[in-house]
Amino acid sequence: MNTKTKVILSFITVFLLGGISGYLVRDTLLVKEQYAHSERFSGNEDRNGTRFENEQERREHRQRMRERAQNRLIEYLSLEENQQEEFFSLLHTYHTDIRDSVRTIRDLEDSFIREHYDEFKIDLSDLLNQQQLNRMDRFFHPDSVRYNRANRDHRN
């Protein structure tokens, strides 16, 4: 291979690598920019961004998604007709029990955190003045933390 051929092949290789990397970087930046300028979750869409005109449309969409999931489970588990009703009944019971247990745990967790925070404030009452305690409440109180966390993403 002569020098001229090597130069041409090197040029083509560098050009292709530059083009491919530029395309990949551009695509990444565009996705990031689209996300930065997109509207936040509103009441008219689901978690995947699907928009709904009304509540009936949302319910129908959820029903279709539920049916698709059931059909996939039926196919994946090779459920027979006589197994399907009992399986989905037990699955529903299982999900309900888990959801209720998680809610109970969250309630216990919230009361535990509040109780310990109150003790923490009592311990600090000799160290901090009332203004400092009020400032601390705005930042560290369990309700403030939850409120700030929920609103953190909506500040723009």
N, C-alpha and C. Protein backbone atom coordinates (compact mmCIF):
# COMPACT_ATOMS: atom_id res chain seq x y z
N MET A 1 0.85 -1.16 0.00
CA MET A 1 0.00 0.00 0.00
C MET A 1 0.90 1.23 0.00
N ASN A 2 0.60 2.16 -0.89
CA ASN A 2 1.45 3.34 -0.97
C ASN A 2 0.97 4.42 0.00
N THR A 3 1.74 5.45 0.15
CA THR A 3 1.48 6.52 1.11
C THR A 3 0.18 7.24 0.81
N LYS A 4 -0.09 7.48 -0.46
CA LYS A 4 -1.30 8.20 -0.84
C LYS A 4 -2.55 7.43 -0.42
N THR A 5 -2.56 6.13 -0.59
CA THR A 5 -3.69 5.28 -0.19
C THR A 5 -3.86 5.31 1.33
N LYS A 6 -2.74 5.25 2.05
CA LYS A 6 -2.81 5.29 3.51
C LYS A 6 -3.40 6.60 4.01
N VAL A 7 -3.01 7.70 3.39
CA VAL A 7 -3.52 9.03 3.77
C VAL A 7 -5.02 9.11 3.51
N ILE A 8 -5.44 8.62 2.36
CA ILE A 8 -6.87 8.66 2.01
C ILE A 8 -7.67 7.79 2.98
N LEU A 9 -7.20 6.58 3.27
CA LEU A 9 -7.91 5.70 4.22
C LEU A 9 -7.94 6.30 5.62
N SER A 10 -6.84 6.93 6.05
CA SER A 10 -6.79 7.58 7.36
C SER A 10 -7.80 8.72 7.41
N PHE A 11 -7.85 9.52 6.35
CA PHE A 11 -8.79 10.64 6.29
C PHE A 11 -10.24 10.13 6.37
N ILE A 12 -10.55 9.10 5.61
CA ILE A 12 -11.90 8.54 5.61
C ILE A 12 -12.25 7.97 6.99
N THR A 13 -11.31 7.27 7.62
CA THR A 13 -11.55 6.70 8.95
C THR A 13 -11.81 7.80 9.97
N VAL A 14 -10.97 8.83 9.98
CA VAL A 14 -11.16 9.94 10.92
C VAL A 14 -12.49 10.64 10.65
N PHE A 15 -12.82 10.84 9.39
CA PHE A 15 -14.08 11.49 9.04
C PHE A 15 -15.27 10.68 9.53
N LEU A 16 -15.24 9.36 9.30
CA LEU A 16 -16.34 8.51 9.75
C LEU A 16 -16.46 8.48 11.28
N LEU A 17 -15.34 8.34 11.97
CA LEU A 17 -15.36 8.34 13.43
C LEU A 17 -15.89 9.66 13.98
N GLY A 18 -15.46 10.77 13.38
CA GLY A 18 -15.96 12.08 13.80
C GLY A 18 -17.45 12.23 13.55
N GLY A 19 -17.89 11.77 12.39
CA GLY A 19 -19.32 11.85 12.08
C GLY A 19 -20.17 11.02 13.00
N ILE A 20 -19.73 9.81 13.27
CA ILE A 20 -20.49 8.92 14.16
C ILE A 20 -20.52 9.48 15.57
N SER A 21 -19.37 9.90 16.09
CA SER A 21 -19.35 10.44 17.45
C SER A 21 -20.16 11.73 17.54
N GLY A 22 -20.09 12.56 16.52
CA GLY A 22 -20.91 13.78 16.50
C GLY A 22 -22.39 13.47 16.51
N TYR A 23 -22.78 12.47 15.75
CA TYR A 23 -24.19 12.07 15.72
C TYR A 23 -24.64 11.58 17.09
N LEU A 24 -23.82 10.75 17.73
CA LEU A 24 -24.17 10.23 19.04
C LEU A 24 -24.25 11.33 20.10
N VAL A 25 -23.30 12.24 20.09
CA VAL A 25 -23.31 13.34 21.06
C VAL A 25 -24.50 14.25 20.80
N ARG A 26 -24.76 14.57 19.55
CA ARG A 26 -25.88 15.44 19.19
C ARG A 26 -27.19 14.84 19.65
N ASP A 27 -27.36 13.54 19.42
CA ASP A 27 -28.57 12.85 19.82
C ASP A 27 -28.76 12.90 21.33
N THR A 28 -27.69 12.72 22.07
CA THR A 28 -27.76 12.77 23.52
C THR A 28 -28.13 14.17 23.99
N LEU A 29 -27.53 15.19 23.39
CA LEU A 29 -27.82 16.56 23.80
C LEU A 29 -29.25 16.95 23.46
N LEU A 30 -29.76 16.50 22.32
CA LEU A 30 -31.13 16.82 21.95
C LEU A 30 -32.12 16.20 22.91
N VAL A 31 -31.88 14.96 23.31
CA VAL A 31 -32.78 14.31 24.25
C VAL A 31 -32.76 15.06 25.57
N LYS A 32 -31.58 15.45 26.03
CA LYS A 32 -31.46 16.20 27.29
C LYS A 32 -32.18 17.54 27.17
N GLU A 33 -32.02 18.22 26.05
CA GLU A 33 -32.67 19.52 25.86
C GLU A 33 -34.19 19.37 25.79
N GLN A 34 -34.67 18.34 25.12
CA GLN A 34 -36.10 18.11 25.05
C GLN A 34 -36.67 17.85 26.43
N TYR A 35 -35.94 17.08 27.25
CA TYR A 35 -36.41 16.80 28.60
C TYR A 35 -36.43 18.07 29.43
N ALA A 36 -35.41 18.91 29.28
CA ALA A 36 -35.32 20.13 30.08
C ALA A 36 -36.47 21.09 29.76
N HIS A 37 -36.94 21.09 28.50
CA HIS A 37 -37.99 22.01 28.11
C HIS A 37 -39.38 21.38 28.07
N SER A 38 -39.46 20.12 28.45
CA SER A 38 -40.76 19.45 28.38
C SER A 38 -41.62 19.89 29.56
N GLU A 39 -42.92 19.74 29.38
CA GLU A 39 -43.85 20.06 30.45
C GLU A 39 -43.75 18.98 31.51
N ARG A 40 -43.96 19.38 32.74
CA ARG A 40 -43.95 18.41 33.83
C ARG A 40 -45.21 17.56 33.75
N PHE A 41 -45.24 16.51 34.55
CA PHE A 41 -46.41 15.63 34.61
C PHE A 41 -47.63 16.44 34.95
N SER A 42 -48.66 16.31 34.17
CA SER A 42 -49.92 17.01 34.46
C SER A 42 -51.01 15.97 34.65
N GLY A 43 -52.15 16.41 35.05
CA GLY A 43 -53.25 15.49 35.30
C GLY A 43 -53.80 14.84 34.05
N ASN A 44 -53.39 15.32 32.87
CA ASN A 44 -53.92 14.80 31.62
C ASN A 44 -53.05 13.73 30.99
N GLU A 45 -52.06 13.22 31.74
CA GLU A 45 -51.20 12.20 31.16
C GLU A 45 -50.84 11.17 32.22
N ASP A 46 -50.41 10.02 31.75
CA ASP A 46 -49.98 8.99 32.69
C ASP A 46 -48.47 9.08 32.87
N ARG A 47 -47.90 8.12 33.58
CA ARG A 47 -46.47 8.16 33.88
C ARG A 47 -45.61 8.09 32.63
N ASN A 48 -46.13 7.53 31.57
CA ASN A 48 -45.36 7.39 30.33
C ASN A 48 -45.53 8.59 29.41
N GLY A 49 -46.31 9.58 29.82
CA GLY A 49 -46.49 10.77 29.02
C GLY A 49 -47.66 10.71 28.06
N THR A 50 -48.46 9.64 28.10
CA THR A 50 -49.62 9.53 27.24
C THR A 50 -50.68 10.53 27.70
N ARG A 51 -51.18 11.34 26.79
CA ARG A 51 -52.17 12.37 27.15
C ARG A 51 -53.59 11.83 27.01
N PHE A 52 -54.45 12.27 27.93
CA PHE A 52 -55.85 11.86 27.92
C PHE A 52 -56.73 13.10 27.89
N GLU A 53 -57.83 13.00 27.17
CA GLU A 53 -58.75 14.12 27.08
C GLU A 53 -59.67 14.20 28.29
N ASN A 54 -60.01 13.04 28.86
CA ASN A 54 -60.91 13.03 30.02
C ASN A 54 -60.65 11.79 30.88
N GLU A 55 -61.34 11.71 31.98
CA GLU A 55 -61.14 10.60 32.93
C GLU A 55 -61.58 9.27 32.33
N GLN A 56 -62.63 9.29 31.52
CA GLN A 56 -63.11 8.05 30.88
C GLN A 56 -62.03 7.47 29.98
N GLU A 57 -61.35 8.31 29.23
CA GLU A 57 -60.27 7.86 28.35
C GLU A 57 -59.13 7.25 29.16
N ARG A 58 -58.83 7.86 30.31
CA ARG A 58 -57.78 7.35 31.18
C ARG A 58 -58.16 5.97 31.72
N ARG A 59 -59.41 5.82 32.15
CA ARG A 59 -59.88 4.51 32.66
C ARG A 59 -59.82 3.43 31.59
N GLU A 60 -60.24 3.78 30.38
CA GLU A 60 -60.19 2.83 29.27
C GLU A 60 -58.75 2.41 28.97
N HIS A 61 -57.84 3.38 29.01
CA HIS A 61 -56.42 3.08 28.78
C HIS A 61 -55.90 2.13 29.86
N ARG A 62 -56.21 2.42 31.11
CA ARG A 62 -55.77 1.53 32.20
C ARG A 62 -56.34 0.13 32.05
N GLN A 63 -57.60 0.04 31.63
CA GLN A 63 -58.22 -1.27 31.44
C GLN A 63 -57.52 -2.04 30.32
N ARG A 64 -57.21 -1.35 29.22
CA ARG A 64 -56.48 -2.01 28.13
C ARG A 64 -55.11 -2.49 28.59
N MET A 65 -54.41 -1.65 29.35
CA MET A 65 -53.09 -2.04 29.85
C MET A 65 -53.20 -3.23 30.80
N ARG A 66 -54.22 -3.25 31.64
CA ARG A 66 -54.44 -4.37 32.56
C ARG A 66 -54.70 -5.66 31.77
N GLU A 67 -55.54 -5.55 30.73
CA GLU A 67 -55.84 -6.72 29.90
C GLU A 67 -54.59 -7.23 29.19
N ARG A 68 -53.76 -6.30 28.69
CA ARG A 68 -52.52 -6.71 28.03
C ARG A 68 -51.60 -7.44 29.00
N ALA A 69 -51.50 -6.92 30.23
CA ALA A 69 -50.64 -7.55 31.24
C ALA A 69 -51.19 -8.94 31.58
N GLN A 70 -52.50 -9.04 31.71
CA GLN A 70 -53.11 -10.35 32.01
C GLN A 70 -52.84 -11.33 30.86
N ASN A 71 -53.01 -10.87 29.64
CA ASN A 71 -52.77 -11.75 28.50
C ASN A 71 -51.32 -12.21 28.43
N ARG A 72 -50.39 -11.30 28.75
CA ARG A 72 -48.97 -11.69 28.77
C ARG A 72 -48.71 -12.73 29.85
N LEU A 73 -49.31 -12.53 31.04
CA LEU A 73 -49.14 -13.51 32.11
C LEU A 73 -49.74 -14.86 31.74
N ILE A 74 -50.92 -14.82 31.13
CA ILE A 74 -51.56 -16.07 30.71
C ILE A 74 -50.66 -16.81 29.74
N GLU A 75 -50.10 -16.08 28.79
CA GLU A 75 -49.24 -16.70 27.79
C GLU A 75 -47.92 -17.17 28.42
N TYR A 76 -47.31 -16.31 29.24
CA TYR A 76 -46.00 -16.63 29.82
C TYR A 76 -46.08 -17.83 30.78
N LEU A 77 -47.14 -17.87 31.59
CA LEU A 77 -47.29 -18.96 32.55
C LEU A 77 -48.03 -20.16 31.97
N SER A 78 -48.50 -20.02 30.73
CA SER A 78 -49.29 -21.07 30.07
C SER A 78 -50.48 -21.48 30.95
N LEU A 79 -51.22 -20.47 31.39
CA LEU A 79 -52.38 -20.74 32.25
C LEU A 79 -53.52 -21.32 31.43
N GLU A 80 -54.15 -22.31 31.99
CA GLU A 80 -55.33 -22.88 31.35
C GLU A 80 -56.55 -22.08 31.78
N GLU A 81 -57.65 -22.25 31.05
CA GLU A 81 -58.89 -21.51 31.34
C GLU A 81 -59.32 -21.65 32.79
N ASN A 82 -59.25 -22.88 33.32
CA ASN A 82 -59.74 -23.11 34.69
C ASN A 82 -58.78 -22.54 35.75
N GLN A 83 -57.58 -22.15 35.38
CA GLN A 83 -56.62 -21.58 36.34
C GLN A 83 -56.68 -20.05 36.37
N GLN A 84 -57.11 -19.44 35.30
CA GLN A 84 -56.98 -18.00 35.14
C GLN A 84 -57.73 -17.20 36.20
N GLU A 85 -58.99 -17.50 36.41
CA GLU A 85 -59.79 -16.71 37.35
C GLU A 85 -59.22 -16.78 38.76
N GLU A 86 -58.89 -17.96 39.23
CA GLU A 86 -58.35 -18.10 40.58
C GLU A 86 -56.97 -17.45 40.68
N PHE A 87 -56.14 -17.60 39.65
CA PHE A 87 -54.80 -16.99 39.66
C PHE A 87 -54.90 -15.47 39.80
N PHE A 88 -55.74 -14.83 38.99
CA PHE A 88 -55.83 -13.38 39.03
C PHE A 88 -56.52 -12.89 40.30
N SER A 89 -57.41 -13.68 40.84
CA SER A 89 -58.02 -13.34 42.13
C SER A 89 -56.97 -13.35 43.23
N LEU A 90 -56.13 -14.39 43.25
CA LEU A 90 -55.07 -14.48 44.25
C LEU A 90 -54.02 -13.39 44.04
N LEU A 91 -53.71 -13.08 42.79
CA LEU A 91 -52.75 -12.03 42.49
C LEU A 91 -53.27 -10.68 42.99
N HIS A 92 -54.55 -10.41 42.77
CA HIS A 92 -55.16 -9.18 43.24
C HIS A 92 -55.11 -9.09 44.77
N THR A 93 -55.42 -10.19 45.44
CA THR A 93 -55.36 -10.23 46.90
C THR A 93 -53.94 -9.97 47.38
N TYR A 94 -52.98 -10.60 46.73
CA TYR A 94 -51.57 -10.42 47.09
C TYR A 94 -51.17 -8.95 46.95
N HIS A 95 -51.50 -8.33 45.82
CA HIS A 95 -51.15 -6.93 45.59
C HIS A 95 -51.82 -6.02 46.62
N THR A 96 -53.08 -6.29 46.92
CA THR A 96 -53.80 -5.49 47.90
C THR A 96 -53.17 -5.60 49.28
N ASP A 97 -52.80 -6.82 49.67
CA ASP A 97 -52.17 -7.03 50.97
C ASP A 97 -50.83 -6.29 51.05
N ILE A 98 -50.04 -6.39 50.00
CA ILE A 98 -48.75 -5.70 49.97
C ILE A 98 -48.95 -4.20 50.07
N ARG A 99 -49.87 -3.66 49.28
CA ARG A 99 -50.13 -2.21 49.30
C ARG A 99 -50.57 -1.75 50.68
N ASP A 100 -51.47 -2.50 51.32
CA ASP A 100 -51.93 -2.14 52.65
C ASP A 100 -50.80 -2.22 53.68
N SER A 101 -49.97 -3.23 53.56
CA SER A 101 -48.84 -3.37 54.48
C SER A 101 -47.86 -2.22 54.32
N VAL A 102 -47.58 -1.85 53.09
CA VAL A 102 -46.66 -0.74 52.84
C VAL A 102 -47.23 0.55 53.40
N ARG A 103 -48.51 0.78 53.25
CA ARG A 103 -49.14 1.98 53.81
C ARG A 103 -49.03 1.99 55.33
N THR A 104 -49.25 0.85 55.95
CA THR A 104 -49.13 0.75 57.40
C THR A 104 -47.70 1.04 57.84
N ILE A 105 -46.75 0.48 57.13
CA ILE A 105 -45.34 0.71 57.46
C ILE A 105 -45.00 2.19 57.31
N ARG A 106 -45.50 2.82 56.26
CA ARG A 106 -45.25 4.25 56.05
C ARG A 106 -45.83 5.08 57.18
N ASP A 107 -47.05 4.74 57.60
CA ASP A 107 -47.66 5.47 58.72
C ASP A 107 -46.83 5.32 59.98
N LEU A 108 -46.37 4.10 60.26
CA LEU A 108 -45.51 3.87 61.43
C LEU A 108 -44.20 4.62 61.30
N GLU A 109 -43.67 4.61 60.12
CA GLU A 109 -42.40 5.31 59.87
C GLU A 109 -42.57 6.80 60.10
N ASP A 110 -43.65 7.38 59.60
CA ASP A 110 -43.90 8.81 59.79
C ASP A 110 -44.02 9.16 61.26
N SER A 111 -44.77 8.37 62.01
CA SER A 111 -44.92 8.67 63.43
C SER A 111 -43.60 8.49 64.17
N PHE A 112 -42.81 7.49 63.79
CA PHE A 112 -41.50 7.27 64.39
C PHE A 112 -40.58 8.47 64.14
N ILE A 113 -40.56 8.95 62.91
CA ILE A 113 -39.70 10.08 62.55
C ILE A 113 -40.14 11.34 63.31
N ARG A 114 -41.44 11.60 63.36
CA ARG A 114 -41.94 12.77 64.08
C ARG A 114 -41.58 12.70 65.57
N GLU A 115 -41.76 11.54 66.14
CA GLU A 115 -41.47 11.35 67.56
C GLU A 115 -39.99 11.65 67.85
N HIS A 116 -39.11 11.12 67.04
CA HIS A 116 -37.68 11.35 67.24
C HIS A 116 -37.28 12.79 66.92
N TYR A 117 -37.94 13.39 65.95
CA TYR A 117 -37.64 14.78 65.65
C TYR A 117 -38.04 15.67 66.82
N ASP A 118 -39.18 15.39 67.43
CA ASP A 118 -39.62 16.17 68.60
C ASP A 118 -38.61 16.04 69.75
N GLU A 119 -38.10 14.84 69.95
CA GLU A 119 -37.07 14.64 70.99
C GLU A 119 -35.80 15.41 70.63
N PHE A 120 -35.44 15.41 69.37
CA PHE A 120 -34.27 16.13 68.89
C PHE A 120 -34.43 17.63 69.15
N LYS A 121 -35.62 18.15 68.89
CA LYS A 121 -35.88 19.58 69.13
C LYS A 121 -35.79 19.91 70.62
N ILE A 122 -36.30 19.03 71.45
CA ILE A 122 -36.21 19.26 72.90
C ILE A 122 -34.74 19.31 73.33
N ASP A 123 -33.94 18.40 72.78
CA ASP A 123 -32.51 18.38 73.11
C ASP A 123 -31.82 19.66 72.65
N LEU A 124 -32.27 20.23 71.54
CA LEU A 124 -31.65 21.45 71.01
C LEU A 124 -32.20 22.72 71.63
N SER A 125 -33.29 22.65 72.36
CA SER A 125 -33.94 23.86 72.88
C SER A 125 -33.02 24.64 73.82
N ASP A 126 -32.11 23.97 74.51
CA ASP A 126 -31.16 24.67 75.38
C ASP A 126 -30.03 25.30 74.57
N LEU A 127 -29.76 24.77 73.41
CA LEU A 127 -28.64 25.23 72.59
C LEU A 127 -29.04 26.35 71.63
N LEU A 128 -30.21 26.23 71.01
CA LEU A 128 -30.65 27.19 69.99
C LEU A 128 -31.74 28.10 70.53
N ASN A 129 -31.80 29.33 69.99
CA ASN A 129 -32.90 30.22 70.37
C ASN A 129 -34.13 29.90 69.53
N GLN A 130 -35.24 30.55 69.81
CA GLN A 130 -36.51 30.23 69.15
C GLN A 130 -36.44 30.49 67.64
N GLN A 131 -35.78 31.57 67.25
CA GLN A 131 -35.66 31.88 65.82
C GLN A 131 -34.86 30.78 65.10
N GLN A 132 -33.81 30.31 65.70
CA GLN A 132 -33.02 29.24 65.10
C GLN A 132 -33.82 27.94 65.03
N LEU A 133 -34.61 27.66 66.07
CA LEU A 133 -35.46 26.46 66.06
C LEU A 133 -36.50 26.53 64.95
N ASN A 134 -37.08 27.73 64.76
CA ASN A 134 -38.07 27.90 63.69
C ASN A 134 -37.43 27.70 62.32
N ARG A 135 -36.22 28.24 62.13
CA ARG A 135 -35.51 28.04 60.87
C ARG A 135 -35.21 26.57 60.64
N MET A 136 -34.78 25.91 61.68
CA MET A 136 -34.48 24.49 61.58
C MET A 136 -35.75 23.70 61.19
N ASP A 137 -36.88 24.09 61.78
CA ASP A 137 -38.14 23.42 61.45
C ASP A 137 -38.46 23.54 59.96
N ARG A 138 -38.23 24.72 59.41
CA ARG A 138 -38.52 24.92 57.99
C ARG A 138 -37.68 24.02 57.10
N PHE A 139 -36.51 23.66 57.60
CA PHE A 139 -35.61 22.85 56.80
C PHE A 139 -35.67 21.36 57.14
N PHE A 140 -35.75 21.02 58.43
CA PHE A 140 -35.62 19.63 58.86
C PHE A 140 -36.91 18.95 59.32
N HIS A 141 -37.94 19.69 59.61
CA HIS A 141 -39.17 19.05 60.09
C HIS A 141 -39.66 18.06 59.05
N PRO A 142 -40.10 16.87 59.47
CA PRO A 142 -40.52 15.84 58.50
C PRO A 142 -41.53 16.33 57.47
N ASP A 143 -42.47 17.16 57.88
CA ASP A 143 -43.43 17.69 56.92
C ASP A 143 -42.75 18.65 55.94
N SER A 144 -41.81 19.45 56.44
CA SER A 144 -41.07 20.37 55.57
C SER A 144 -40.22 19.61 54.57
N VAL A 145 -39.58 18.55 55.03
CA VAL A 145 -38.74 17.75 54.14
C VAL A 145 -39.59 17.18 53.01
N ARG A 146 -40.74 16.62 53.36
CA ARG A 146 -41.63 16.04 52.35
C ARG A 146 -42.13 17.12 51.38
N TYR A 147 -42.51 18.28 51.93
CA TYR A 147 -43.00 19.37 51.10
C TYR A 147 -41.90 19.87 50.16
N ASN A 148 -40.70 20.08 50.71
CA ASN A 148 -39.59 20.57 49.90
C ASN A 148 -39.21 19.57 48.82
N ARG A 149 -39.23 18.29 49.16
CA ARG A 149 -38.88 17.26 48.18
C ARG A 149 -39.91 17.23 47.06
N ALA A 150 -41.18 17.37 47.41
CA ALA A 150 -42.24 17.33 46.39
C ALA A 150 -42.16 18.54 45.47
N ASN A 151 -41.78 19.68 46.02
CA ASN A 151 -41.76 20.91 45.22
C ASN A 151 -40.42 21.20 44.58
N ARG A 152 -39.40 20.44 44.92
CA ARG A 152 -38.05 20.67 44.39
C ARG A 152 -38.05 20.58 42.86
N ASP A 153 -38.78 19.62 42.31
CA ASP A 153 -38.77 19.41 40.87
C ASP A 153 -39.62 20.41 40.11
N HIS A 154 -40.45 21.17 40.81
CA HIS A 154 -41.34 22.09 40.14
C HIS A 154 -40.79 23.51 40.09
N ARG A 155 -39.61 23.71 40.65
CA ARG A 155 -38.99 25.05 40.62
C ARG A 155 -38.21 25.21 39.33
N ASN A 156 -38.58 26.18 38.55
CA ASN A 156 -37.84 26.48 37.30
C ASN A 156 -37.84 27.95 37.05
